[in-house]
């Protein structure tokens, strides 16, 4: 087996538990190391640190698979998949959850989401690409799904030297799958929808709005296919308007509303949320609850300043439109916007809006997206629930 020796001092990152080793951390690689193969990771003094898969084409050159000196083979993959499933069996609805969350489940760059009887797989790195069939077989053995569909169509794969791939891996998969989340029914477009078809990371946060929406007038911005809006209707909101820039998403959300018998109280509007918030704010519109769940405003540190301005703008406008004592649910899924930074953006927006905030909860992603304390990158979602006062 080839060996990768780290530069003196860089072993501390591995000892801390971080699963990534960058190209700049590596002193040399000895032996025949093919792209995507498993190598032993050693300190500069030759001490064993980890087993990792190797891709010199990627900035993340080594992704740690195990801190033990053990074979990384089919049996290993089956054990890791079984551990991931068993963890979720302790608390989750296995027909509505993230089944494998990459590094957090010690299966780097591998994501598997469960919708109804269908699993959707996404593989983002070359090393795991070699184990895709083993992961597929392990999932079939553990969960007996109706089908498994691959959505490895993410541009980041090109950085790994991989093509974009979609297609059937097992069984049968319809174009749309019905799933139930917190008692709300959703149709999920697993083949063409964003990411794997539905954003499961907000599941517990969507349930958390239940005490605040009953009998209320709710505005849900960046609604996508209606997840927060339909939860609000399900929990008894008097009127809900969901807004998304995509007409297709709004049509899909309306279909989900009809599926739940909520079309009389939950409607959707295709519009740019920035423009709509500005327009409604100028018009003096008021809501009891406003939900902001935008897509990531930046995927790199270079776009951080622009992202901060965007978050501040939508929060400021929303705060001005919330009746005294009403509720703001505000979210960010931008990895580079850290929780302390997001709190400061919200606080600054409140200062400019001349309102006072009372924090009810500050939440993160659901437990099926577990966080590694040693890897801040695994904690990306922020969800603040605030009461707004003049």
Protein backbone atom coordinates (compact mmCIF):
# COMPACT_ATOMS: atom_id res chain seq x y z
CA UNK A 1 0.00 0.00 0.00
CA UNK A 2 1.26 3.47 -0.88
CA UNK A 3 2.15 5.84 1.95
CA UNK A 4 1.50 9.57 2.24
CA UNK A 5 3.83 11.40 4.61
CA UNK A 6 2.66 14.70 6.05
CA UNK A 7 4.70 17.86 6.57
CA UNK A 8 5.88 18.20 10.20
CA UNK A 9 3.10 19.65 12.35
CA UNK A 10 0.29 18.81 9.93
CA UNK A 11 -0.54 15.58 11.78
CA UNK A 12 -2.32 17.70 14.41
CA UNK A 13 -5.24 18.17 12.02
CA UNK A 14 -5.67 14.40 11.72
CA UNK A 15 -5.31 13.84 15.47
CA UNK A 16 -8.00 16.47 16.07
CA UNK A 17 -10.43 14.37 14.03
CA UNK A 18 -10.75 16.48 10.88
CA UNK A 19 -11.40 14.16 7.91
CA UNK A 20 -9.68 16.27 5.20
CA UNK A 21 -6.00 16.54 4.37
CA UNK A 22 -5.08 19.17 1.80
CA UNK A 23 -2.45 18.95 -0.91
CA UNK A 24 -0.36 21.56 0.91
CA UNK A 25 -0.22 19.32 4.03
CA UNK A 26 1.52 16.45 2.22
CA UNK A 27 5.30 16.15 2.06
CA UNK A 28 5.54 13.13 -0.25
CA UNK A 29 3.80 9.97 -1.40
CA UNK A 30 5.80 6.76 -1.60
CA UNK A 31 4.73 3.70 -3.57
CA UNK A 32 2.30 3.18 -6.43
CA UNK A 33 -0.59 5.52 -5.64
CA UNK A 34 -3.32 5.52 -8.27
CA UNK A 35 -5.98 8.22 -8.29
CA UNK A 36 -8.78 7.12 -5.95
CA UNK A 37 -6.80 4.37 -4.21
CA UNK A 38 -6.49 3.84 -0.46
CA UNK A 39 -3.19 4.95 1.12
CA UNK A 40 -1.74 4.89 4.62
CA UNK A 41 -1.28 8.37 6.07
CA UNK A 42 1.86 8.78 8.18
CA UNK A 43 3.37 11.59 10.22
CA UNK A 44 6.70 13.07 9.14
CA UNK A 45 8.34 10.62 11.59
CA UNK A 46 6.55 7.61 10.11
CA UNK A 47 3.82 7.17 12.72
CA UNK A 48 0.56 5.70 11.40
CA UNK A 49 -2.28 8.24 11.43
CA UNK A 50 -5.08 7.04 9.16
CA UNK A 51 -6.28 5.25 6.07
CA UNK A 52 -7.55 7.63 3.41
CA UNK A 53 -8.44 7.68 -0.25
CA UNK A 54 -6.10 9.65 -2.46
CA UNK A 55 -6.76 12.03 -5.34
CA UNK A 56 -3.86 14.30 -6.35
CA UNK A 57 -6.19 16.18 -8.73
CA UNK A 58 -8.23 17.50 -5.80
CA UNK A 59 -7.28 20.24 -3.35
CA UNK A 60 -8.63 17.85 -0.68
CA UNK A 61 -6.04 15.25 -1.66
CA UNK A 62 -6.71 12.80 1.18
CA UNK A 63 -10.13 12.02 2.68
CA UNK A 64 -9.87 9.99 5.85
CA UNK A 65 -11.77 6.71 5.88
CA UNK A 66 -10.49 5.29 9.17
CA UNK A 67 -8.13 6.20 12.01
CA UNK A 68 -7.46 2.48 12.47
CA UNK A 69 -4.92 0.39 10.58
CA UNK A 70 -7.57 -1.79 8.93
CA UNK A 71 -8.58 -2.90 5.42
CA UNK A 72 -10.92 -0.54 3.55
CA UNK A 73 -12.95 -3.07 1.61
CA UNK A 74 -16.51 -4.25 0.95
CA UNK A 75 -16.96 -5.49 4.54
CA UNK A 76 -15.77 -2.12 5.84
CA UNK A 77 -18.33 -0.26 3.68
CA UNK A 78 -21.14 -2.58 4.80
CA UNK A 79 -20.26 -1.88 8.46
CA UNK A 80 -20.26 1.86 7.95
CA UNK A 81 -23.59 1.83 6.10
CA UNK A 82 -25.09 -0.35 8.83
CA UNK A 83 -23.84 2.05 11.52
CA UNK A 84 -25.37 5.02 9.68
CA UNK A 85 -28.74 3.29 9.37
CA UNK A 86 -28.74 2.08 12.99
CA UNK A 87 -28.03 5.62 14.22
CA UNK A 88 -31.12 6.91 12.39
CA UNK A 89 -33.28 4.04 13.59
CA UNK A 90 -32.96 5.50 17.10
CA UNK A 91 -34.93 8.68 16.25
CA UNK A 92 -35.83 9.12 12.58
CA UNK A 93 -38.58 8.15 10.18
CA UNK A 94 -36.49 6.08 7.79
CA UNK A 95 -38.81 7.02 4.91
CA UNK A 96 -38.05 10.72 5.37
CA UNK A 97 -34.45 11.41 6.36
CA UNK A 98 -30.84 11.73 5.28
CA UNK A 99 -29.54 8.19 5.58
CA UNK A 100 -25.85 8.92 4.96
CA UNK A 101 -24.25 12.31 5.56
CA UNK A 102 -20.79 11.98 4.06
CA UNK A 103 -17.90 12.66 6.46
CA UNK A 104 -20.25 12.80 9.46
CA UNK A 105 -21.06 9.13 8.83
CA UNK A 106 -17.41 8.34 8.05
CA UNK A 107 -18.23 7.73 4.40
CA UNK A 108 -16.58 10.79 2.84
CA UNK A 109 -18.38 12.60 0.02
CA UNK A 110 -21.27 10.09 -0.03
CA UNK A 111 -24.83 11.36 0.50
CA UNK A 112 -27.98 9.23 0.58
CA UNK A 113 -31.47 10.63 1.15
CA UNK A 114 -34.61 8.57 1.77
CA UNK A 115 -37.99 9.56 0.34
CA UNK A 116 -40.85 7.12 0.83
CA UNK A 117 -39.57 3.82 -0.49
CA UNK A 118 -36.86 5.37 -2.68
CA UNK A 119 -33.24 6.22 -1.89
CA UNK A 120 -31.32 8.94 -3.76
CA UNK A 121 -27.53 8.64 -3.82
CA UNK A 122 -25.01 11.38 -4.54
CA UNK A 123 -21.26 10.69 -4.74
CA UNK A 124 -18.95 13.71 -4.83
CA UNK A 125 -15.40 12.32 -4.78
CA UNK A 126 -13.29 9.86 -6.74
CA UNK A 127 -12.36 7.61 -3.82
CA UNK A 128 -15.99 6.90 -2.90
CA UNK A 129 -16.81 6.43 -6.58
CA UNK A 130 -14.93 3.13 -6.36
CA UNK A 131 -17.22 1.98 -3.54
CA UNK A 132 -20.58 3.03 -5.02
CA UNK A 133 -21.68 -0.52 -5.78
CA UNK A 134 -20.76 -1.66 -2.27
CA UNK A 135 -22.79 1.22 -0.80
CA UNK A 136 -25.70 0.31 -3.09
CA UNK A 137 -25.60 -3.34 -2.06
CA UNK A 138 -25.35 -2.45 1.63
CA UNK A 139 -28.36 -0.12 1.39
CA UNK A 140 -30.41 -2.83 -0.31
CA UNK A 141 -29.48 -5.32 2.40
CA UNK A 142 -30.27 -2.92 5.26
CA UNK A 143 -33.35 -1.09 3.97
CA UNK A 144 -34.91 -3.13 1.12
CA UNK A 145 -35.90 -0.01 -0.87
CA UNK A 146 -38.17 -0.02 -3.91
CA UNK A 147 -35.38 1.65 -5.84
CA UNK A 148 -32.17 3.66 -5.67
CA UNK A 149 -31.58 6.60 -8.00
CA UNK A 150 -28.22 8.31 -8.46
CA UNK A 151 -27.98 12.12 -8.63
CA UNK A 152 -24.23 12.59 -8.98
CA UNK A 153 -24.82 15.57 -11.26
CA UNK A 154 -23.10 18.20 -9.13
CA UNK A 155 -20.41 20.37 -10.82
CA UNK A 156 -18.02 19.87 -7.87
CA UNK A 157 -17.38 16.36 -9.25
CA UNK A 158 -15.38 17.93 -12.07
CA UNK A 159 -12.79 19.07 -9.53
CA UNK A 160 -12.31 15.38 -8.74
CA UNK A 161 -11.89 14.51 -12.41
CA UNK A 162 -15.33 12.88 -12.52
CA UNK A 163 -18.17 13.16 -15.03
CA UNK A 164 -21.67 14.16 -13.96
CA UNK A 165 -23.86 11.05 -13.66
CA UNK A 166 -27.53 10.29 -13.05
CA UNK A 167 -29.47 7.06 -13.38
CA UNK A 168 -30.99 3.97 -11.85
CA UNK A 169 -28.84 1.93 -9.49
CA UNK A 170 -31.43 -0.52 -8.17
CA UNK A 171 -35.08 -1.50 -8.53
CA UNK A 172 -37.65 0.92 -9.91
CA UNK A 173 -37.90 4.68 -9.32
CA UNK A 174 -40.84 6.81 -10.55
CA UNK A 175 -40.33 10.43 -11.64
CA UNK A 176 -42.10 11.59 -8.49
CA UNK A 177 -42.10 9.92 -5.10
CA UNK A 178 -44.59 10.66 -2.32
CA UNK A 179 -43.09 11.26 1.10
CA UNK A 180 -44.60 12.23 4.45
CA UNK A 181 -42.70 14.70 6.67
CA UNK A 182 -44.08 15.65 10.10
CA UNK A 183 -47.49 14.52 8.88
CA UNK A 184 -47.34 16.67 5.71
CA UNK A 185 -47.44 14.91 2.33
CA UNK A 186 -44.97 15.93 -0.37
CA UNK A 187 -44.31 14.85 -3.91
CA UNK A 188 -40.55 14.75 -4.50
CA UNK A 189 -38.99 15.08 -7.96
CA UNK A 190 -36.02 12.79 -7.33
CA UNK A 191 -34.82 12.82 -10.94
CA UNK A 192 -34.95 16.52 -11.84
CA UNK A 193 -35.43 18.44 -8.57
CA UNK A 194 -32.72 20.46 -6.85
CA UNK A 195 -29.94 18.46 -5.15
CA UNK A 196 -31.56 15.09 -4.34
CA UNK A 197 -35.10 16.44 -4.85
CA UNK A 198 -36.00 17.83 -1.41
CA UNK A 199 -34.22 19.62 1.45
CA UNK A 200 -34.46 17.30 4.43
CA UNK A 201 -32.10 19.30 6.65
CA UNK A 202 -34.90 21.67 7.77
CA UNK A 203 -37.29 18.90 8.85
CA UNK A 204 -36.96 19.51 12.59
CA UNK A 205 -36.97 23.29 12.10
CA UNK A 206 -40.20 23.09 10.11
CA UNK A 207 -41.78 21.19 13.01
CA UNK A 208 -40.54 23.90 15.40
CA UNK A 209 -42.81 26.57 13.87
CA UNK A 210 -45.99 24.78 15.00
CA UNK A 211 -46.63 26.87 18.17
CA UNK A 212 -46.29 30.18 16.34
CA UNK A 213 -48.44 29.87 13.19
CA UNK A 214 -51.91 28.74 14.33
CA UNK A 215 -54.50 31.27 13.18
CA UNK A 216 -51.78 33.56 11.79
CA UNK A 217 -51.07 35.30 8.49
CA UNK A 218 -47.80 33.83 7.17
CA UNK A 219 -45.38 34.85 4.41
CA UNK A 220 -42.87 32.18 3.36
CA UNK A 221 -40.05 33.55 1.17
CA UNK A 222 -37.84 31.32 -0.99
CA UNK A 223 -40.50 28.66 -0.61
CA UNK A 224 -39.14 26.20 -3.21
CA UNK A 225 -41.74 23.40 -3.39
CA UNK A 226 -43.60 24.67 -0.33
CA UNK A 227 -42.07 22.87 2.63
CA UNK A 228 -42.31 25.62 5.28
CA UNK A 229 -45.52 27.06 3.81
CA UNK A 230 -47.31 23.71 3.86
CA UNK A 231 -46.14 23.02 7.40
CA UNK A 232 -47.61 26.39 8.42
CA UNK A 233 -50.92 25.45 6.80
CA UNK A 234 -50.80 21.98 8.38
CA UNK A 235 -50.26 23.56 11.80
CA UNK A 236 -53.34 25.77 11.43
CA UNK A 237 -52.26 29.06 9.84
CA UNK A 238 -55.20 31.14 8.65
CA UNK A 239 -53.48 32.32 5.47
CA UNK A 240 -50.12 31.42 3.92
CA UNK A 241 -48.40 32.91 0.89
CA UNK A 242 -45.32 31.10 -0.40
CA UNK A 243 -42.99 32.94 -2.77
CA UNK A 244 -40.28 31.53 -5.04
CA UNK A 245 -38.59 32.84 -8.17
CA UNK A 246 -39.18 29.52 -9.98
CA UNK A 247 -42.58 29.11 -11.63
CA UNK A 248 -41.95 25.36 -11.79
CA UNK A 249 -41.32 25.25 -8.02
CA UNK A 250 -44.52 27.22 -7.37
CA UNK A 251 -46.57 24.89 -9.58
CA UNK A 252 -45.07 21.92 -7.76
CA UNK A 253 -45.86 23.56 -4.39
CA UNK A 254 -49.47 24.15 -5.44
CA UNK A 255 -49.72 20.46 -6.29
CA UNK A 256 -48.40 19.63 -2.82
CA UNK A 257 -50.98 22.00 -1.31
CA UNK A 258 -53.80 20.18 -3.11
CA UNK A 259 -52.34 16.85 -1.99
CA UNK A 260 -52.76 18.00 1.64
CA UNK A 261 -56.17 19.65 1.19
CA UNK A 262 -54.64 23.06 1.92
CA UNK A 263 -55.20 24.87 -1.39
CA UNK A 264 -57.86 27.10 0.20
CA UNK A 265 -55.40 28.53 2.76
CA UNK A 266 -51.97 28.12 1.17
CA UNK A 267 -51.16 29.75 -2.15
CA UNK A 268 -47.94 30.38 -4.06
CA UNK A 269 -46.60 33.26 -6.09
CA UNK A 270 -43.69 33.25 -8.55
CA UNK A 271 -41.60 36.34 -7.82
CA UNK A 272 -38.14 37.57 -6.91
CA UNK A 273 -38.22 37.58 -3.10
CA UNK A 274 -35.91 40.60 -2.82
CA UNK A 275 -38.20 42.65 -5.06
CA UNK A 276 -41.37 41.34 -3.44
CA UNK A 277 -40.17 42.13 0.10
CA UNK A 278 -39.22 45.66 -0.99
CA UNK A 279 -42.59 46.16 -2.71
CA UNK A 280 -44.68 44.82 0.17
CA UNK A 281 -42.63 46.75 2.72
CA UNK A 282 -43.22 50.03 0.87
CA UNK A 283 -46.92 49.18 0.61
CA UNK A 284 -47.14 48.77 4.39
CA UNK A 285 -48.12 45.07 4.29
CA UNK A 286 -48.07 43.31 7.66
CA UNK A 287 -47.75 39.63 8.57
CA UNK A 288 -47.89 37.73 11.82
CA UNK A 289 -45.09 35.35 10.78
CA UNK A 290 -42.43 35.72 8.08
CA UNK A 291 -40.16 32.82 7.11
CA UNK A 292 -36.89 33.39 5.23
CA UNK A 293 -35.22 30.23 3.93
CA UNK A 294 -33.07 31.34 0.98
CA UNK A 295 -30.59 29.26 -0.99
CA UNK A 296 -26.92 29.74 -0.16
CA UNK A 297 -25.92 33.30 -1.04
CA UNK A 298 -22.28 32.25 -1.37
CA UNK A 299 -20.41 28.99 -1.84
CA UNK A 300 -16.97 30.53 -1.24
CA UNK A 301 -15.27 32.93 1.16
CA UNK A 302 -14.74 35.41 -1.70
CA UNK A 303 -18.49 36.04 -1.87
CA UNK A 304 -18.96 36.49 1.86
CA UNK A 305 -19.33 40.26 1.88
CA UNK A 306 -22.03 40.19 -0.79
CA UNK A 307 -23.83 37.37 1.03
CA UNK A 308 -23.85 39.35 4.28
CA UNK A 309 -25.48 42.30 2.49
CA UNK A 310 -28.11 40.01 0.98
CA UNK A 311 -29.00 38.41 4.32
CA UNK A 312 -29.18 41.79 6.01
CA UNK A 313 -31.45 43.23 3.33
CA UNK A 314 -34.07 40.47 3.44
CA UNK A 315 -34.08 40.37 7.24
CA UNK A 316 -34.39 44.14 7.57
CA UNK A 317 -37.33 44.29 5.17
CA UNK A 318 -39.04 41.32 6.81
CA UNK A 319 -38.68 42.85 10.30
CA UNK A 320 -40.43 46.01 9.13
CA UNK A 321 -43.38 43.94 7.90
CA UNK A 322 -43.97 41.89 11.05
CA UNK A 323 -46.73 43.09 13.36
CA UNK A 324 -45.69 43.89 16.97
CA UNK A 325 -45.05 40.63 18.78
CA UNK A 326 -44.97 38.64 15.55
CA UNK A 327 -42.44 35.98 14.59
CA UNK A 328 -39.44 35.94 12.25
CA UNK A 329 -38.02 32.57 11.21
CA UNK A 330 -34.75 33.31 9.42
CA UNK A 331 -32.31 30.80 7.95
CA UNK A 332 -28.96 30.55 6.21
CA UNK A 333 -27.45 27.44 4.61
CA UNK A 334 -24.26 29.24 3.51
CA UNK A 335 -21.43 27.23 5.04
CA UNK A 336 -19.11 30.24 5.14
CA UNK A 337 -21.60 32.34 7.11
CA UNK A 338 -20.81 31.06 10.58
CA UNK A 339 -23.49 31.01 13.32
CA UNK A 340 -21.96 33.96 15.23
CA UNK A 341 -21.78 35.93 11.97
CA UNK A 342 -25.40 35.18 11.09
CA UNK A 343 -26.57 36.27 14.55
CA UNK A 344 -24.70 39.54 14.07
CA UNK A 345 -26.30 40.08 10.64
CA UNK A 346 -29.77 39.60 12.17
CA UNK A 347 -28.90 41.90 15.10
CA UNK A 348 -27.61 44.58 12.71
CA UNK A 349 -30.76 44.32 10.58
CA UNK A 350 -32.91 44.79 13.70
CA UNK A 351 -30.93 47.91 14.63
CA UNK A 352 -31.51 49.44 11.18
CA UNK A 353 -35.17 48.38 11.17
CA UNK A 354 -35.57 49.99 14.61
CA UNK A 355 -37.11 46.92 16.14
CA UNK A 356 -36.22 44.78 19.13
CA UNK A 357 -35.73 41.04 18.89
CA UNK A 358 -36.33 38.33 21.44
CA UNK A 359 -34.64 35.07 20.51
CA UNK A 360 -36.94 32.10 21.01
CA UNK A 361 -34.63 29.47 19.52
CA UNK A 362 -31.44 29.27 17.48
CA UNK A 363 -31.31 25.95 15.70
CA UNK A 364 -29.17 24.04 13.21
CA UNK A 365 -29.72 21.11 10.83
CA UNK A 366 -31.62 18.02 11.90
CA UNK A 367 -30.07 15.11 13.75
CA UNK A 368 -29.98 13.07 10.55
CA UNK A 369 -27.31 15.58 9.38
CA UNK A 370 -24.95 15.06 12.35
CA UNK A 371 -22.16 17.55 13.07
CA UNK A 372 -18.50 16.70 13.65
CA UNK A 373 -17.10 19.13 16.25
CA UNK A 374 -13.66 18.69 14.66
CA UNK A 375 -14.99 19.72 11.23
CA UNK A 376 -16.89 23.04 11.31
CA UNK A 377 -17.79 22.49 7.64
CA UNK A 378 -20.33 19.85 8.72
CA UNK A 379 -22.37 22.51 10.57
CA UNK A 380 -23.75 24.77 7.87
CA UNK A 381 -27.43 25.45 8.62
CA UNK A 382 -28.58 28.29 10.88
CA UNK A 383 -32.24 28.81 11.81
CA UNK A 384 -33.20 31.59 14.19
CA UNK A 385 -36.74 32.00 15.55
CA UNK A 386 -37.28 35.52 16.92
CA UNK A 387 -40.14 37.58 18.30
CA UNK A 388 -40.20 41.12 16.91
CA UNK A 389 -41.21 44.21 18.91
CA UNK A 390 -41.27 47.91 17.97
